Amino acid sequence: MDLQDFNGDDLYFDEQLPEQVAHRLADAARRYAGGTAEQPLLEAQELAPDSLIVLVGLYRFYYYQHRYQDALAIAARAMACVAPRLGLPPVWRDVRLGHLAYAVEQGIGLLRFYLLSLKGAGYLCLRLGHFEQGKAMLAKVVELDAGDRLGARLLLDVLAENDAEILPFPTVPAMETQP
């Protein structure tokens, strides 16, 4: 399985949005530079809580605002929305290579989205000081993406080369991100 082979599958941003949601996303885009995009993004999420377009918008907003805990929650929500569509277990730790055959049939683009969400969550855990959780998430991506098409191995290699415990990340209490 090559995670770069999209075969013309629809991608998350191809989904149709209700007009009210599209208006709020457009409003968020206009307000982004002023730092006031959160409210229309949250309104869009309330109207379309499972919309991957909305979740990506919220994730990016929080990430670029350095609100990593909020971005991590959105990454977990995105995985929770995508897992059932792909026939994956609800908890990322339980996903095995055997699950991917069915998931690929549902859409390689959606599977790629799920794995990139997991990679992003792993990275955010590292930024938040949750090293073991972050490493476990990245290791799961590497396990499922043997060809390393998504580049998670590089992050693990950087951690191995540099003692992760001395990186200048803020330390916060440990947490378990589900799924």
Protein backbone atom coordinates (compact mmCIF):
# COMPACT_ATOMS: atom_id res chain seq x y z
CA MET A 1 0.00 0.00 0.00
CA ASP A 2 1.42 3.35 -1.03
CA LEU A 3 0.01 6.21 1.03
CA GLN A 4 0.86 8.64 -1.76
CA ASP A 5 -1.40 6.86 -4.26
CA PHE A 6 -4.72 8.68 -4.07
CA ASN A 7 -6.37 7.02 -7.11
CA GLY A 8 -8.65 10.00 -7.59
CA ASP A 9 -10.30 9.46 -4.19
CA ASP A 10 -12.22 12.35 -2.75
CA LEU A 11 -10.25 14.18 -0.10
CA TYR A 12 -11.61 15.77 3.05
CA PHE A 13 -11.74 19.21 1.46
CA ASP A 14 -13.93 17.89 -1.36
CA GLU A 15 -16.89 17.37 0.97
CA GLN A 16 -19.90 19.60 0.48
CA LEU A 17 -20.62 22.05 3.26
CA PRO A 18 -23.97 23.48 4.27
CA GLU A 19 -24.16 27.15 3.32
CA GLN A 20 -24.19 28.31 6.96
CA VAL A 21 -20.97 26.41 7.64
CA ALA A 22 -19.28 27.72 4.51
CA HIS A 23 -20.19 31.29 5.51
CA ARG A 24 -18.66 30.85 8.94
CA LEU A 25 -15.48 29.39 7.50
CA ALA A 26 -15.23 32.32 5.09
CA ASP A 27 -15.77 34.71 8.01
CA ALA A 28 -13.03 32.91 9.96
CA ALA A 29 -10.66 33.28 7.01
CA ARG A 30 -11.34 37.04 6.87
CA ARG A 31 -10.83 37.39 10.61
CA TYR A 32 -7.75 35.19 10.89
CA ALA A 33 -5.14 37.95 10.57
CA GLY A 34 -6.80 39.84 13.41
CA GLY A 35 -6.73 36.76 15.63
CA THR A 36 -10.52 36.66 15.94
CA ALA A 37 -11.24 33.59 13.81
CA GLU A 38 -12.00 31.26 16.71
CA GLN A 39 -15.64 32.26 17.21
CA PRO A 40 -16.78 31.61 13.61
CA LEU A 41 -14.77 28.36 13.61
CA LEU A 42 -16.51 27.21 16.79
CA GLU A 43 -19.87 28.16 15.31
CA ALA A 44 -19.03 26.13 12.20
CA GLN A 45 -18.08 23.19 14.41
CA GLU A 46 -21.37 23.45 16.29
CA LEU A 47 -23.25 23.30 12.97
CA ALA A 48 -21.09 20.51 11.50
CA PRO A 49 -19.27 18.72 14.34
CA ASP A 50 -18.01 15.87 12.11
CA SER A 51 -16.89 18.02 9.18
CA LEU A 52 -13.24 17.38 8.49
CA ILE A 53 -12.93 20.76 6.79
CA VAL A 54 -14.10 22.48 9.96
CA LEU A 55 -11.87 20.33 12.16
CA VAL A 56 -8.83 21.08 10.00
CA GLY A 57 -9.64 24.79 10.20
CA LEU A 58 -9.84 24.65 13.99
CA TYR A 59 -6.69 22.53 14.24
CA ARG A 60 -4.70 24.97 12.12
CA PHE A 61 -6.03 27.97 14.00
CA TYR A 62 -5.06 26.48 17.37
CA TYR A 63 -1.73 25.19 16.10
CA TYR A 64 -0.64 28.53 14.65
CA GLN A 65 -1.84 30.32 17.79
CA HIS A 66 0.43 27.93 19.75
CA ARG A 67 -2.60 26.56 21.58
CA TYR A 68 -1.26 23.03 21.39
CA GLN A 69 -3.59 21.47 23.96
CA ASP A 70 -6.60 22.73 21.99
CA ALA A 71 -5.05 21.53 18.72
CA LEU A 72 -4.45 18.12 20.29
CA ALA A 73 -8.11 17.87 21.27
CA ILE A 74 -9.12 18.65 17.69
CA ALA A 75 -6.70 16.04 16.30
CA ALA A 76 -8.28 13.47 18.63
CA ARG A 77 -11.75 14.54 17.47
CA ALA A 78 -10.70 14.20 13.82
CA MET A 79 -9.44 10.66 14.43
CA ALA A 80 -12.65 9.82 16.29
CA CYS A 81 -14.69 11.03 13.30
CA VAL A 82 -12.61 9.18 10.71
CA ALA A 83 -12.03 5.85 12.48
CA PRO A 84 -15.60 4.54 12.05
CA ARG A 85 -15.65 5.59 8.39
CA LEU A 86 -12.56 3.46 7.86
CA GLY A 87 -13.67 0.56 10.03
CA LEU A 88 -10.81 1.22 12.44
CA PRO A 89 -10.96 0.59 16.19
CA PRO A 90 -11.98 3.67 18.19
CA VAL A 91 -8.66 3.77 20.05
CA TRP A 92 -5.58 4.47 17.92
CA ARG A 93 -3.43 2.07 19.96
CA ASP A 94 -5.64 -0.81 18.80
CA VAL A 95 -5.20 -0.15 15.07
CA ARG A 96 -3.24 -2.97 13.42
CA LEU A 97 -1.89 -3.56 9.93
CA GLY A 98 -4.74 -6.00 9.34
CA HIS A 99 -7.26 -3.16 9.68
CA LEU A 100 -5.69 -1.24 6.81
CA ALA A 101 -6.90 -3.55 4.02
CA TYR A 102 -10.52 -2.63 4.74
CA ALA A 103 -9.63 0.99 5.46
CA VAL A 104 -7.92 1.38 2.07
CA GLU A 105 -11.11 0.19 0.37
CA GLN A 106 -12.97 3.02 2.10
CA GLY A 107 -10.49 5.56 0.73
CA ILE A 108 -6.74 5.97 0.80
CA GLY A 109 -7.14 9.73 1.20
CA LEU A 110 -9.22 9.26 4.33
CA LEU A 111 -6.75 6.71 5.71
CA ARG A 112 -3.93 9.13 5.01
CA PHE A 113 -5.90 11.85 6.82
CA TYR A 114 -6.29 9.57 9.86
CA LEU A 115 -2.60 8.71 9.97
CA LEU A 116 -1.55 12.34 9.50
CA SER A 117 -3.90 13.29 12.35
CA LEU A 118 -2.19 10.68 14.51
CA LYS A 119 1.22 11.98 13.48
CA GLY A 120 0.13 15.55 14.28
CA ALA A 121 -1.21 14.44 17.66
CA GLY A 122 2.10 12.72 18.38
CA TYR A 123 4.03 15.85 17.50
CA LEU A 124 1.75 17.97 19.68
CA CYS A 125 2.23 15.58 22.58
CA LEU A 126 5.98 16.08 22.22
CA ARG A 127 5.53 19.86 22.20
CA LEU A 128 3.43 19.59 25.36
CA GLY A 129 6.04 17.45 27.11
CA HIS A 130 4.08 14.19 26.87
CA PHE A 131 7.11 12.37 25.48
CA GLU A 132 6.02 8.77 25.98
CA GLN A 133 2.57 9.44 24.51
CA GLY A 134 4.05 11.32 21.56
CA LYS A 135 6.62 8.62 20.87
CA ALA A 136 3.93 5.92 21.05
CA MET A 137 1.74 7.79 18.56
CA LEU A 138 4.60 8.34 16.15
CA ALA A 139 5.69 4.72 16.52
CA LYS A 140 2.15 3.62 15.63
CA VAL A 141 2.26 5.72 12.46
CA VAL A 142 5.64 4.18 11.55
CA GLU A 143 4.25 0.69 12.23
CA LEU A 144 1.29 1.30 9.91
CA ASP A 145 3.28 3.21 7.27
CA ALA A 146 6.19 0.83 6.66
CA GLY A 147 7.33 2.86 3.64
CA ASP A 148 7.48 6.01 5.79
CA ARG A 149 5.53 7.93 3.17
CA LEU A 150 4.20 10.24 5.89
CA GLY A 151 7.59 11.00 7.44
CA ALA A 152 6.92 10.00 11.04
CA ARG A 153 10.18 8.06 11.29
CA LEU A 154 12.17 11.29 10.96
CA LEU A 155 10.56 12.67 14.12
CA LEU A 156 11.41 9.49 16.01
CA ASP A 157 14.96 9.61 14.67
CA VAL A 158 15.37 13.21 15.81
CA LEU A 159 14.15 12.22 19.26
CA ALA A 160 16.60 9.32 19.35
CA GLU A 161 19.52 11.54 18.28
CA ASN A 162 18.68 14.26 20.78
CA ASP A 163 17.80 13.41 24.32
CA ALA A 164 14.09 14.28 24.26
CA GLU A 165 14.09 14.99 27.96
CA ILE A 166 16.30 18.07 27.50
CA LEU A 167 14.45 19.62 24.56
CA PRO A 168 13.05 23.07 25.43
CA PHE A 169 9.40 21.99 25.47
CA PRO A 170 7.14 23.06 28.31
CA THR A 171 6.33 20.36 30.84
CA VAL A 172 2.69 19.67 31.63
CA PRO A 173 1.00 16.82 33.47
CA ALA A 174 0.76 13.55 31.52
CA MET A 175 -2.48 12.71 29.75
CA GLU A 176 -3.94 9.95 27.63
CA THR A 177 -5.25 11.14 24.28
CA GLN A 178 -8.14 9.01 23.06
CA PRO A 179 -8.57 7.85 20.38
